[in-house]
Amino acid sequence: MTASSTRRTTVARNRTAAFGAIAVAGALILTGCGDQTDKGGDGGSSSSSSAPLASKLPADIRKAGVIKVGSDIAYPPVEYMQSGKAVGVDPDIADALGKQLGVRFDFQNGKFDQLIVGLQANRFNVIMSAMNDTKDRQNGIDSDTGKKVGNGVDFVDYFTAGTSILVQKGNPKGIKSLDDLCGKVVALQKGTTSEGIAKAQSQKCTKDGNKAIDLQTFDTDPEALLRLKQGASVADLNDFPVAAYNAKTSGGGKDFEVVGEQIEAGPYGIAVSKENTQLRDAIQAAMAAIIKNGDYQKILEKWNVTQGAVTEAKINGGS
């Protein structure tokens, strides 16, 4: 993210896949996507009749009063669990969208690399999980193989971020850029843009006559961060806002630091099934409304991620 935020994608290589090439989850076997968080009744919202954009929603969602959101809720400050509830940038934006649409956004926890599969299997209505909007994801392409593995998804873009390199405090291994990762162990979350960036860099390493990156991937970013904290890896790649947050908060700011410039900045998008254009357009209208009325800016200020702000809610603006 060239903006001061980060992304979570598998390179396309982008990041986004960036963050990078996106190993589209449509190729994965659908398994349990995790437990629901924010559980609550699915009854219609009493505020839907007065919400300014409620009429734009599909009738079934308007009646239910709930938009089910697939998310990997372990990526602070974008989304994480606190006292049994999903909090962060995404949940706050979702709440603001819900006020415009007259529905509640119900975050359901799942593995990041299986979220698109869950969306296509109708386990939830949208994905909101620091997911980078990329052409591969839009078109259902596995970025590693270049093969089509699904129908793809549409995105409503709502934030901009790039990938950052996170290292141990004091940078004991002297990491300054991606080139310094050749021949070294790097830990990161699988199915993300960061993974795509790391794989592309590893190929560059070998092409230049250096050793490939020893890439270790995990289901969640906290697992990768633990490896870095223990000294079992020299770096973790993740979205800038997430990297900056962990550098500031982990161990009271004594565990990690961010090095180098942001890599491959690109948009985060709210993913919606290509068959559900009415829902997509309703969410786009709601995003445009909160950008215009200032609620969006207030949320970014709250989480100190204003560098990632967008001025327009584009559909499929990623490259």
C-alpha atoms as a PDB file:
ATOM      1  CA  MET A   1       0.000   0.000   0.000  1.00  0.00           C
ATOM      2  CA  THR A   2       1.399   3.128  -1.034  1.00  0.00           C
ATOM      3  CA  ALA A   3      -0.946   4.740   1.278  1.00  0.00           C
ATOM      4  CA  SER A   4      -0.207   4.250   4.914  1.00  0.00           C
ATOM      5  CA  SER A   5      -2.249   1.116   5.203  1.00  0.00           C
ATOM      6  CA  THR A   6      -1.837  -2.455   4.157  1.00  0.00           C
ATOM      7  CA  ARG A   7      -3.501  -5.190   2.334  1.00  0.00           C
ATOM      8  CA  ARG A   8      -4.299  -8.769   2.435  1.00  0.00           C
ATOM      9  CA  THR A   9      -4.385 -10.590  -0.888  1.00  0.00           C
ATOM     10  CA  THR A  10      -2.383 -13.010  -2.838  1.00  0.00           C
ATOM     11  CA  VAL A  11      -0.479 -11.266  -5.550  1.00  0.00           C
ATOM     12  CA  ALA A  12      -1.891 -10.833  -8.942  1.00  0.00           C
ATOM     13  CA  ARG A  13       0.407 -10.131  -8.823  1.00  0.00           C
ATOM     14  CA  ASN A  14      -0.452  -7.482  -7.624  1.00  0.00           C
ATOM     15  CA  ARG A  15      -1.125  -7.403  -3.376  1.00  0.00           C
ATOM     16  CA  THR A  16      -2.732  -7.027  -3.108  1.00  0.00           C
ATOM     17  CA  ALA A  17      -2.892  -9.815  -4.219  1.00  0.00           C
ATOM     18  CA  ALA A  18      -0.969  -6.808  -1.724  1.00  0.00           C
ATOM     19  CA  PHE A  19      -1.233  -7.366  -0.903  1.00  0.00           C
ATOM     20  CA  GLY A  20      -0.232  -9.891  -4.413  1.00  0.00           C
ATOM     21  CA  ALA A  21      -0.979 -12.707  -6.705  1.00  0.00           C
ATOM     22  CA  ILE A  22      -4.192 -13.990  -5.459  1.00  0.00           C
ATOM     23  CA  ALA A  23      -4.535 -17.631  -4.952  1.00  0.00           C
ATOM     24  CA  VAL A  24      -8.232 -17.479  -5.484  1.00  0.00           C
ATOM     25  CA  ALA A  25     -10.016 -19.351  -2.793  1.00  0.00           C
ATOM     26  CA  GLY A  26     -12.484 -20.736  -5.290  1.00  0.00           C
ATOM     27  CA  ALA A  27     -10.063 -23.554  -5.943  1.00  0.00           C
ATOM     28  CA  LEU A  28     -10.009 -24.651  -2.354  1.00  0.00           C
ATOM     29  CA  ILE A  29     -12.199 -27.277  -0.802  1.00  0.00           C
ATOM     30  CA  LEU A  30     -14.840 -25.668   1.350  1.00  0.00           C
ATOM     31  CA  THR A  31     -14.385 -26.518   4.971  1.00  0.00           C
ATOM     32  CA  GLY A  32     -15.748 -24.982   8.146  1.00  0.00           C
ATOM     33  CA  CYS A  33     -15.215 -21.255   7.925  1.00  0.00           C
ATOM     34  CA  GLY A  34     -15.099 -20.787  11.667  1.00  0.00           C
ATOM     35  CA  ASP A  35     -17.534 -19.817  14.335  1.00  0.00           C
ATOM     36  CA  GLN A  36     -19.830 -16.864  14.107  1.00  0.00           C
ATOM     37  CA  THR A  37     -18.958 -13.916  16.267  1.00  0.00           C
ATOM     38  CA  ASP A  38     -21.523 -11.135  16.858  1.00  0.00           C
ATOM     39  CA  LYS A  39     -24.332 -13.682  17.014  1.00  0.00           C
ATOM     40  CA  GLY A  40     -27.762 -12.250  17.098  1.00  0.00           C
ATOM     41  CA  GLY A  41     -31.230 -12.738  15.794  1.00  0.00           C
ATOM     42  CA  ASP A  42     -31.816 -12.522  12.089  1.00  0.00           C
ATOM     43  CA  GLY A  43     -35.063 -10.640  12.458  1.00  0.00           C
ATOM     44  CA  GLY A  44     -35.757  -7.588  10.337  1.00  0.00           C
ATOM     45  CA  SER A  45     -34.308  -4.324  11.491  1.00  0.00           C
ATOM     46  CA  SER A  46     -36.775  -1.900  13.006  1.00  0.00           C
ATOM     47  CA  SER A  47     -34.745   0.950  11.546  1.00  0.00           C
ATOM     48  CA  SER A  48     -34.837  -0.318   7.968  1.00  0.00           C
ATOM     49  CA  SER A  49     -37.929   1.692   7.090  1.00  0.00           C
ATOM     50  CA  SER A  50     -36.233   4.959   8.033  1.00  0.00           C
ATOM     51  CA  ALA A  51     -32.742   4.177   6.677  1.00  0.00           C
ATOM     52  CA  PRO A  52     -32.062   6.375   3.641  1.00  0.00           C
ATOM     53  CA  LEU A  53     -30.824   3.582   1.361  1.00  0.00           C
ATOM     54  CA  ALA A  54     -32.826   0.596   2.618  1.00  0.00           C
ATOM     55  CA  SER A  55     -34.847   0.380  -0.576  1.00  0.00           C
ATOM     56  CA  LYS A  56     -31.721  -0.381  -2.590  1.00  0.00           C
ATOM     57  CA  LEU A  57     -31.157  -3.731  -0.832  1.00  0.00           C
ATOM     58  CA  PRO A  58     -32.452  -7.061  -2.162  1.00  0.00           C
ATOM     59  CA  ALA A  59     -35.814  -7.829  -0.582  1.00  0.00           C
ATOM     60  CA  ASP A  60     -34.622 -10.950   1.251  1.00  0.00           C
ATOM     61  CA  ILE A  61     -31.781  -9.111   2.971  1.00  0.00           C
ATOM     62  CA  ARG A  62     -33.985  -6.143   3.801  1.00  0.00           C
ATOM     63  CA  LYS A  63     -36.508  -8.508   5.376  1.00  0.00           C
ATOM     64  CA  ALA A  64     -33.865 -10.398   7.368  1.00  0.00           C
ATOM     65  CA  GLY A  65     -32.261  -7.172   8.561  1.00  0.00           C
ATOM     66  CA  VAL A  66     -28.813  -8.764   8.418  1.00  0.00           C
ATOM     67  CA  ILE A  67     -25.871  -8.857   6.033  1.00  0.00           C
ATOM     68  CA  LYS A  68     -23.641 -11.819   6.888  1.00  0.00           C
ATOM     69  CA  VAL A  69     -19.960 -10.926   6.589  1.00  0.00           C
ATOM     70  CA  GLY A  70     -17.154 -13.444   6.081  1.00  0.00           C
ATOM     71  CA  SER A  71     -13.937 -12.245   7.723  1.00  0.00           C
ATOM     72  CA  ASP A  72     -10.655 -13.492   9.156  1.00  0.00           C
ATOM     73  CA  ILE A  73     -10.967 -11.595  12.423  1.00  0.00           C
ATOM     74  CA  ALA A  74      -7.317 -11.659  13.444  1.00  0.00           C
ATOM     75  CA  TYR A  75      -5.813  -8.674  11.640  1.00  0.00           C
ATOM     76  CA  PRO A  76      -5.682  -5.640  13.936  1.00  0.00           C
ATOM     77  CA  PRO A  77      -6.417  -2.814  13.515  1.00  0.00           C
ATOM     78  CA  VAL A  78      -8.515  -3.736  10.472  1.00  0.00           C
ATOM     79  CA  GLU A  79     -10.510  -6.422  12.254  1.00  0.00           C
ATOM     80  CA  TYR A  80      -9.883  -8.350  15.463  1.00  0.00           C
ATOM     81  CA  MET A  81     -11.708  -9.803  18.445  1.00  0.00           C
ATOM     82  CA  GLN A  82     -12.132  -7.851  21.661  1.00  0.00           C
ATOM     83  CA  SER A  83     -14.320  -9.082  24.510  1.00  0.00           C
ATOM     84  CA  GLY A  84     -15.987 -11.553  22.171  1.00  0.00           C
ATOM     85  CA  LYS A  85     -16.863  -8.928  19.562  1.00  0.00           C
ATOM     86  CA  ALA A  86     -15.370  -8.030  16.178  1.00  0.00           C
ATOM     87  CA  VAL A  87     -13.834  -4.545  16.329  1.00  0.00           C
ATOM     88  CA  GLY A  88     -11.586  -2.460  14.093  1.00  0.00           C
ATOM     89  CA  VAL A  89     -11.671  -0.444  10.904  1.00  0.00           C
ATOM     90  CA  ASP A  90     -13.840  -2.907   8.961  1.00  0.00           C
ATOM     91  CA  PRO A  91     -16.479  -3.465  11.672  1.00  0.00           C
ATOM     92  CA  ASP A  92     -16.771   0.293  12.218  1.00  0.00           C
ATOM     93  CA  ILE A  93     -17.204   0.950   8.500  1.00  0.00           C
ATOM     94  CA  ALA A  94     -19.737  -1.891   8.373  1.00  0.00           C
ATOM     95  CA  ASP A  95     -21.707  -0.289  11.209  1.00  0.00           C
ATOM     96  CA  ALA A  96     -21.787   2.996   9.322  1.00  0.00           C
ATOM     97  CA  LEU A  97     -22.943   1.227   6.160  1.00  0.00           C
ATOM     98  CA  GLY A  98     -25.610  -0.555   8.183  1.00  0.00           C
ATOM     99  CA  LYS A  99     -27.078   2.756   9.325  1.00  0.00           C
ATOM    100  CA  GLN A 100     -27.458   3.819   5.712  1.00  0.00           C
ATOM    101  CA  LEU A 101     -29.002   0.513   4.672  1.00  0.00           C
ATOM    102  CA  GLY A 102     -31.090  -0.214   7.765  1.00  0.00           C
ATOM    103  CA  VAL A 103     -29.463  -3.606   8.463  1.00  0.00           C
ATOM    104  CA  ARG A 104     -26.919  -5.119  10.819  1.00  0.00           C
ATOM    105  CA  PHE A 105     -23.591  -6.442   9.529  1.00  0.00           C
ATOM    106  CA  ASP A 106     -22.908  -9.769  11.285  1.00  0.00           C
ATOM    107  CA  PHE A 107     -19.199 -10.702  11.182  1.00  0.00           C
ATOM    108  CA  GLN A 108     -18.486 -14.437  10.957  1.00  0.00           C
ATOM    109  CA  ASN A 109     -14.963 -15.702  11.523  1.00  0.00           C
ATOM    110  CA  GLY A 110     -13.204 -17.855   8.934  1.00  0.00           C
ATOM    111  CA  LYS A 111      -9.839 -18.676   7.386  1.00  0.00           C
ATOM    112  CA  PHE A 112      -8.794 -15.977   4.967  1.00  0.00           C
ATOM    113  CA  ASP A 113      -7.917 -18.307   2.100  1.00  0.00           C
ATOM    114  CA  GLN A 114     -11.390 -19.902   2.241  1.00  0.00           C
ATOM    115  CA  LEU A 115     -13.526 -16.776   2.408  1.00  0.00           C
ATOM    116  CA  ILE A 116     -14.274 -16.589  -1.315  1.00  0.00           C
ATOM    117  CA  VAL A 117     -15.286 -20.249  -1.269  1.00  0.00           C
ATOM    118  CA  GLY A 118     -17.654 -19.488   1.606  1.00  0.00           C
ATOM    119  CA  LEU A 119     -19.131 -16.533  -0.271  1.00  0.00           C
ATOM    120  CA  GLN A 120     -19.741 -18.619  -3.372  1.00  0.00           C
ATOM    121  CA  ALA A 121     -21.341 -21.325  -1.218  1.00  0.00           C
ATOM    122  CA  ASN A 122     -23.724 -18.693   0.239  1.00  0.00           C
ATOM    123  CA  ARG A 123     -22.364 -19.015   3.770  1.00  0.00           C
ATOM    124  CA  PHE A 124     -22.351 -15.239   3.895  1.00  0.00           C
ATOM    125  CA  ASN A 125     -23.409 -12.322   1.737  1.00  0.00           C
ATOM    126  CA  VAL A 126     -20.159 -10.350   1.536  1.00  0.00           C
ATOM    127  CA  ILE A 127     -16.494 -10.543   2.501  1.00  0.00           C
ATOM    128  CA  MET A 128     -14.951  -7.718   4.488  1.00  0.00           C
ATOM    129  CA  SER A 129     -11.477  -8.751   5.587  1.00  0.00           C
ATOM    130  CA  ALA A 130      -8.747  -6.380   4.387  1.00  0.00           C
ATOM    131  CA  MET A 131      -9.051  -8.212   1.070  1.00  0.00           C
ATOM    132  CA  ASN A 132      -7.305  -6.619  -1.861  1.00  0.00           C
ATOM    133  CA  ASP A 133      -9.320  -5.990  -4.962  1.00  0.00           C
ATOM    134  CA  THR A 134      -7.358  -7.623  -7.809  1.00  0.00           C
ATOM    135  CA  LYS A 135      -8.162  -8.652 -11.363  1.00  0.00           C
ATOM    136  CA  ASP A 136      -7.395 -12.284 -10.539  1.00  0.00           C
ATOM    137  CA  ARG A 137      -9.968 -12.309  -7.774  1.00  0.00           C
ATOM    138  CA  GLN A 138     -12.471 -10.480  -9.936  1.00  0.00           C
ATOM    139  CA  ASN A 139     -12.049 -13.086 -12.677  1.00  0.00           C
ATOM    140  CA  GLY A 140     -11.696 -16.206 -10.503  1.00  0.00           C
ATOM    141  CA  ILE A 141      -8.063 -16.820 -11.496  1.00  0.00           C
ATOM    142  CA  ASP A 142      -5.557 -18.700  -9.347  1.00  0.00           C
ATOM    143  CA  SER A 143      -2.599 -16.345  -9.492  1.00  0.00           C
ATOM    144  CA  ASP A 144      -0.095 -19.138  -8.891  1.00  0.00           C
ATOM    145  CA  THR A 145      -1.241 -21.236 -11.865  1.00  0.00           C
ATOM    146  CA  GLY A 146      -2.981 -18.673 -14.056  1.00  0.00           C
ATOM    147  CA  LYS A 147      -5.936 -21.051 -14.339  1.00  0.00           C
ATOM    148  CA  LYS A 148      -9.581 -20.147 -13.866  1.00  0.00           C
ATOM    149  CA  VAL A 149     -10.920 -21.766 -10.703  1.00  0.00           C
ATOM    150  CA  GLY A 150     -14.201 -19.970 -10.051  1.00  0.00           C
ATOM    151  CA  ASN A 151     -16.622 -17.293 -11.140  1.00  0.00           C
ATOM    152  CA  GLY A 152     -14.743 -14.547  -9.386  1.00  0.00           C
ATOM    153  CA  VAL A 153     -16.280 -11.786  -7.281  1.00  0.00           C
ATOM    154  CA  ASP A 154     -17.080  -8.100  -7.557  1.00  0.00           C
ATOM    155  CA  PHE A 155     -15.564  -5.546  -5.200  1.00  0.00           C
ATOM    156  CA  VAL A 156     -16.717  -2.268  -3.732  1.00  0.00           C
ATOM    157  CA  ASP A 157     -13.448  -0.486  -2.918  1.00  0.00           C
ATOM    158  CA  TYR A 158     -13.193   1.310   0.408  1.00  0.00           C
ATOM    159  CA  PHE A 159      -9.535   1.698   1.447  1.00  0.00           C
ATOM    160  CA  THR A 160      -6.008   1.745   0.008  1.00  0.00           C
ATOM    161  CA  ALA A 161      -2.976  -0.011   1.462  1.00  0.00           C
ATOM    162  CA  GLY A 162       0.360  -1.564   0.590  1.00  0.00           C
ATOM    163  CA  THR A 163       2.532  -4.358   1.946  1.00  0.00           C
ATOM    164  CA  SER A 164       5.209  -3.689   4.556  1.00  0.00           C
ATOM    165  CA  ILE A 165       8.152  -5.632   5.957  1.00  0.00           C
ATOM    166  CA  LEU A 166       7.979  -6.193   9.707  1.00  0.00           C
ATOM    167  CA  VAL A 167      11.147  -7.269  11.545  1.00  0.00           C
ATOM    168  CA  GLN A 168      12.291  -7.726  15.136  1.00  0.00           C
ATOM    169  CA  LYS A 169      12.882  -4.532  17.072  1.00  0.00           C
ATOM    170  CA  GLY A 170      16.334  -3.179  16.344  1.00  0.00           C
ATOM    171  CA  ASN A 171      16.375  -5.013  12.995  1.00  0.00           C
ATOM    172  CA  PRO A 172      19.099  -7.512  14.067  1.00  0.00           C
ATOM    173  CA  LYS A 173      19.330  -9.066  10.592  1.00  0.00           C
ATOM    174  CA  GLY A 174      19.687  -5.730   8.816  1.00  0.00           C
ATOM    175  CA  ILE A 175      16.652  -6.157   6.554  1.00  0.00           C
ATOM    176  CA  LYS A 176      16.016  -3.064   4.432  1.00  0.00           C
ATOM    177  CA  SER A 177      14.159  -4.333   1.377  1.00  0.00           C
ATOM    178  CA  LEU A 178      12.753  -7.441  -0.301  1.00  0.00           C
ATOM    179  CA  ASP A 179      16.182  -8.202  -1.771  1.00  0.00           C
ATOM    180  CA  ASP A 180      17.526  -8.738   1.753  1.00  0.00           C
ATOM    181  CA  LEU A 181      15.114 -11.655   2.249  1.00  0.00           C
ATOM    182  CA  CYS A 182      16.870 -13.954  -0.245  1.00  0.00           C
ATOM    183  CA  GLY A 183      17.985 -17.193   1.416  1.00  0.00           C
ATOM    184  CA  LYS A 184      16.255 -16.283   4.680  1.00  0.00           C
ATOM    185  CA  VAL A 185      13.168 -17.550   6.518  1.00  0.00           C
ATOM    186  CA  VAL A 186      10.086 -15.367   6.106  1.00  0.00           C
ATOM    187  CA  ALA A 187       6.803 -16.097   7.912  1.00  0.00           C
ATOM    188  CA  LEU A 188       3.439 -14.775   6.722  1.00  0.00           C
ATOM    189  CA  GLN A 189      -0.240 -15.576   6.320  1.00  0.00           C
ATOM    190  CA  LYS A 190      -1.134 -17.842   3.429  1.00  0.00           C
ATOM    191  CA  GLY A 191      -3.618 -16.884   0.755  1.00  0.00           C
ATOM    192  CA  THR A 192      -2.642 -13.214   0.961  1.00  0.00           C
ATOM    193  CA  THR A 193      -1.138 -10.717  -1.386  1.00  0.00           C
ATOM    194  CA  SER A 194       1.890 -10.736   0.837  1.00  0.00           C
ATOM    195  CA  GLU A 195       2.415 -14.395  -0.019  1.00  0.00           C
ATOM    196  CA  GLY A 196       2.299 -13.553  -3.719  1.00  0.00           C
ATOM    197  CA  ILE A 197       4.837 -10.782  -3.257  1.00  0.00           C
ATOM    198  CA  ALA A 198       7.155 -13.105  -1.331  1.00  0.00           C
ATOM    199  CA  LYS A 199       6.903 -15.820  -3.993  1.00  0.00           C
ATOM    200  CA  ALA A 200       7.640 -13.357  -6.774  1.00  0.00           C
ATOM    201  CA  GLN A 201      10.628 -12.027  -4.828  1.00  0.00           C
ATOM    202  CA  SER A 202      11.892 -15.573  -4.218  1.00  0.00           C
ATOM    203  CA  GLN A 203      11.889 -16.202  -7.980  1.00  0.00           C
ATOM    204  CA  LYS A 204      13.808 -12.977  -8.465  1.00  0.00           C
ATOM    205  CA  CYS A 205      16.332 -14.125  -5.869  1.00  0.00           C
ATOM    206  CA  THR A 206      17.112 -17.338  -7.741  1.00  0.00           C
ATOM    207  CA  LYS A 207      17.150 -15.569 -11.107  1.00  0.00           C
ATOM    208  CA  ASP A 208      19.801 -13.217  -9.713  1.00  0.00           C
ATOM    209  CA  GLY A 209      21.893 -16.157  -8.503  1.00  0.00           C
ATOM    210  CA  ASN A 210      20.851 -15.952  -4.855  1.00  0.00           C
ATOM    211  CA  LYS A 211      19.077 -18.507  -2.682  1.00  0.00           C
ATOM    212  CA  ALA A 212      15.291 -18.633  -2.672  1.00  0.00           C
ATOM    213  CA  ILE A 213      13.321 -17.336   0.294  1.00  0.00           C
ATOM    214  CA  ASP A 214      12.469 -20.039   2.830  1.00  0.00           C
ATOM    215  CA  LEU A 215       8.783 -19.156   2.975  1.00  0.00           C
ATOM    216  CA  GLN A 216       6.701 -20.375   5.921  1.00  0.00           C
ATOM    217  CA  THR A 217       2.941 -19.758   5.684  1.00  0.00           C
ATOM    218  CA  PHE A 218       0.297 -19.891   8.398  1.00  0.00           C
ATOM    219  CA  ASP A 219      -3.490 -19.765   8.642  1.00  0.00           C
ATOM    220  CA  THR A 220      -3.396 -16.483  10.567  1.00  0.00           C
ATOM    221  CA  ASP A 221      -1.074 -13.507  10.789  1.00  0.00           C
ATOM    222  CA  PRO A 222      -0.648 -13.833  14.597  1.00  0.00           C
ATOM    223  CA  GLU A 223       0.949 -17.253  14.015  1.00  0.00           C
ATOM    224  CA  ALA A 224       3.439 -15.701  11.619  1.00  0.00           C
ATOM    225  CA  LEU A 225       4.119 -12.854  14.049  1.00  0.00           C
ATOM    226  CA  LEU A 226       4.882 -15.367  16.802  1.00  0.00           C
ATOM    227  CA  ARG A 227       7.542 -17.011  14.605  1.00  0.00           C
ATOM    228  CA  LEU A 228       9.114 -13.616  14.031  1.00  0.00           C
ATOM    229  CA  LYS A 229       8.994 -12.718  17.699  1.00  0.00           C
ATOM    230  CA  GLN A 230      10.695 -16.017  18.564  1.00  0.00           C
ATOM    231  CA  GLY A 231      13.442 -15.345  16.050  1.00  0.00           C
ATOM    232  CA  ALA A 232      12.422 -18.312  13.895  1.00  0.00           C
ATOM    233  CA  SER A 233      12.011 -15.983  10.905  1.00  0.00           C
ATOM    234  CA  VAL A 234      13.679 -12.729   9.905  1.00  0.00           C
ATOM    235  CA  ALA A 235      10.529 -10.965   8.716  1.00  0.00           C
ATOM    236  CA  ASP A 236       6.764 -11.015   8.286  1.00  0.00           C
ATOM    237  CA  LEU A 237       5.049  -9.327   5.355  1.00  0.00           C
ATOM    238  CA  ASN A 238       1.616  -7.813   5.900  1.00  0.00           C
ATOM    239  CA  ASP A 239      -0.443  -4.738   5.169  1.00  0.00           C
ATOM    240  CA  PHE A 240       1.097  -1.491   6.312  1.00  0.00           C
ATOM    241  CA  PRO A 241      -1.652  -0.543   8.772  1.00  0.00           C
ATOM    242  CA  VAL A 242      -1.372  -3.961  10.363  1.00  0.00           C
ATOM    243  CA  ALA A 243       2.422  -3.891  10.405  1.00  0.00           C
ATOM    244  CA  ALA A 244       2.420  -0.391  11.907  1.00  0.00           C
ATOM    245  CA  TYR A 245      -0.160  -1.394  14.519  1.00  0.00           C
ATOM    246  CA  ASN A 246       1.856  -4.420  15.618  1.00  0.00           C
ATOM    247  CA  ALA A 247       5.070  -2.406  15.730  1.00  0.00           C
ATOM    248  CA  LYS A 248       3.370   0.096  18.015  1.00  0.00           C
ATOM    249  CA  THR A 249       1.493  -2.281  20.317  1.00  0.00           C
ATOM    250  CA  SER A 250       3.208  -5.684  20.532  1.00  0.00           C
ATOM    251  CA  GLY A 251       5.245  -5.929  23.697  1.00  0.00           C
ATOM    252  CA  GLY A 252       4.586  -2.260  24.365  1.00  0.00           C
ATOM    253  CA  GLY A 253       6.360  -1.390  21.127  1.00  0.00           C
ATOM    254  CA  LYS A 254       9.449  -3.467  21.970  1.00  0.00           C
ATOM    255  CA  ASP A 255       8.851  -6.494  19.719  1.00  0.00           C
ATOM    256  CA  PHE A 256       8.796  -5.263  16.121  1.00  0.00           C
ATOM    257  CA  GLU A 257       9.517  -2.420  13.725  1.00  0.00           C
ATOM    258  CA  VAL A 258       8.615  -1.628  10.117  1.00  0.00           C
ATOM    259  CA  VAL A 259      11.427  -1.251   7.573  1.00  0.00           C
ATOM    260  CA  GLY A 260      11.539  -0.048   3.976  1.00  0.00           C
ATOM    261  CA  GLU A 261       8.817   1.470   1.829  1.00  0.00           C
ATOM    262  CA  GLN A 262       5.300   0.174   1.260  1.00  0.00           C
ATOM    263  CA  ILE A 263       5.080  -2.314  -1.596  1.00  0.00           C
ATOM    264  CA  GLU A 264       2.400  -2.495  -4.310  1.00  0.00           C
ATOM    265  CA  ALA A 265      -0.280  -0.309  -2.805  1.00  0.00           C
ATOM    266  CA  GLY A 266      -3.799  -1.101  -3.903  1.00  0.00           C
ATOM    267  CA  PRO A 267      -7.458  -1.048  -2.821  1.00  0.00           C
ATOM    268  CA  TYR A 268      -9.238  -3.132  -0.224  1.00  0.00           C
ATOM    269  CA  GLY A 269     -12.648  -4.179  -1.436  1.00  0.00           C
ATOM    270  CA  ILE A 270     -15.881  -5.517   0.016  1.00  0.00           C
ATOM    271  CA  ALA A 271     -16.379  -8.698  -2.021  1.00  0.00           C
ATOM    272  CA  VAL A 272     -19.843  -9.581  -3.329  1.00  0.00           C
ATOM    273  CA  SER A 273     -21.010 -12.432  -5.555  1.00  0.00           C
ATOM    274  CA  LYS A 274     -21.186 -11.479  -9.221  1.00  0.00           C
ATOM    275  CA  GLU A 275     -24.758 -12.783  -9.193  1.00  0.00           C
ATOM    276  CA  ASN A 276     -25.772 -10.259  -6.524  1.00  0.00           C
ATOM    277  CA  THR A 277     -25.361  -6.961  -8.328  1.00  0.00           C
ATOM    278  CA  GLN A 278     -28.218  -5.352  -6.403  1.00  0.00           C
ATOM    279  CA  LEU A 279     -26.439  -5.911  -3.095  1.00  0.00           C
ATOM    280  CA  ARG A 280     -23.159  -4.725  -4.611  1.00  0.00           C
ATOM    281  CA  ASP A 281     -24.738  -1.508  -5.856  1.00  0.00           C
ATOM    282  CA  ALA A 282     -26.508  -0.916  -2.523  1.00  0.00           C
ATOM    283  CA  ILE A 283     -23.199  -1.209  -0.664  1.00  0.00           C
ATOM    284  CA  GLN A 284     -21.534   1.115  -3.152  1.00  0.00           C
ATOM    285  CA  ALA A 285     -24.269   3.692  -2.579  1.00  0.00           C
ATOM    286  CA  ALA A 286     -23.876   3.364   1.187  1.00  0.00           C
ATOM    287  CA  MET A 287     -20.083   3.774   0.931  1.00  0.00           C
ATOM    288  CA  ALA A 288     -20.527   6.889  -1.181  1.00  0.00           C
ATOM    289  CA  ALA A 289     -22.920   8.243   1.446  1.00  0.00           C
ATOM    290  CA  ILE A 290     -20.584   7.777   4.407  1.00  0.00           C
ATOM    291  CA  ILE A 291     -17.679   9.246   2.460  1.00  0.00           C
ATOM    292  CA  LYS A 292     -19.819  12.292   1.712  1.00  0.00           C
ATOM    293  CA  ASN A 293     -21.270  12.751   5.223  1.00  0.00           C
ATOM    294  CA  GLY A 294     -17.899  12.444   6.985  1.00  0.00           C
ATOM    295  CA  ASP A 295     -18.556   9.232   8.919  1.00  0.00           C
ATOM    296  CA  TYR A 296     -15.901   7.396   6.905  1.00  0.00           C
ATOM    297  CA  GLN A 297     -13.206   9.987   7.670  1.00  0.00           C
ATOM    298  CA  LYS A 298     -14.048   9.899  11.389  1.00  0.00           C
ATOM    299  CA  ILE A 299     -13.578   6.118  11.451  1.00  0.00           C
ATOM    300  CA  LEU A 300     -10.175   6.323   9.775  1.00  0.00           C
ATOM    301  CA  GLU A 301      -9.132   9.065  12.191  1.00  0.00           C
ATOM    302  CA  LYS A 302     -10.219   6.890  15.121  1.00  0.00           C
ATOM    303  CA  TRP A 303      -7.895   4.085  13.971  1.00  0.00           C
ATOM    304  CA  ASN A 304      -5.113   6.386  12.748  1.00  0.00           C
ATOM    305  CA  VAL A 305      -5.238   5.075   9.178  1.00  0.00           C
ATOM    306  CA  THR A 306      -6.275   8.200   7.287  1.00  0.00           C
ATOM    307  CA  GLN A 307      -3.486   7.729   4.721  1.00  0.00           C
ATOM    308  CA  GLY A 308      -5.518   4.871   3.277  1.00  0.00           C
ATOM    309  CA  ALA A 309      -8.636   6.939   2.634  1.00  0.00           C
ATOM    310  CA  VAL A 310     -10.403   6.778  -0.727  1.00  0.00           C
ATOM    311  CA  THR A 311     -12.519   9.588  -2.148  1.00  0.00           C
ATOM    312  CA  GLU A 312     -14.730   7.371  -4.299  1.00  0.00           C
ATOM    313  CA  ALA A 313     -16.366   3.965  -3.790  1.00  0.00           C
ATOM    314  CA  LYS A 314     -15.287   2.345  -7.046  1.00  0.00           C
ATOM    315  CA  ILE A 315     -16.452  -1.057  -8.247  1.00  0.00           C
ATOM    316  CA  ASN A 316     -13.621  -3.388  -9.289  1.00  0.00           C
ATOM    317  CA  GLY A 317     -11.020  -0.627  -9.251  1.00  0.00           C
ATOM    318  CA  GLY A 318      -8.152  -3.007  -8.502  1.00  0.00           C
ATOM    319  CA  SER A 319      -5.579  -4.023 -11.068  1.00  0.00           C
END
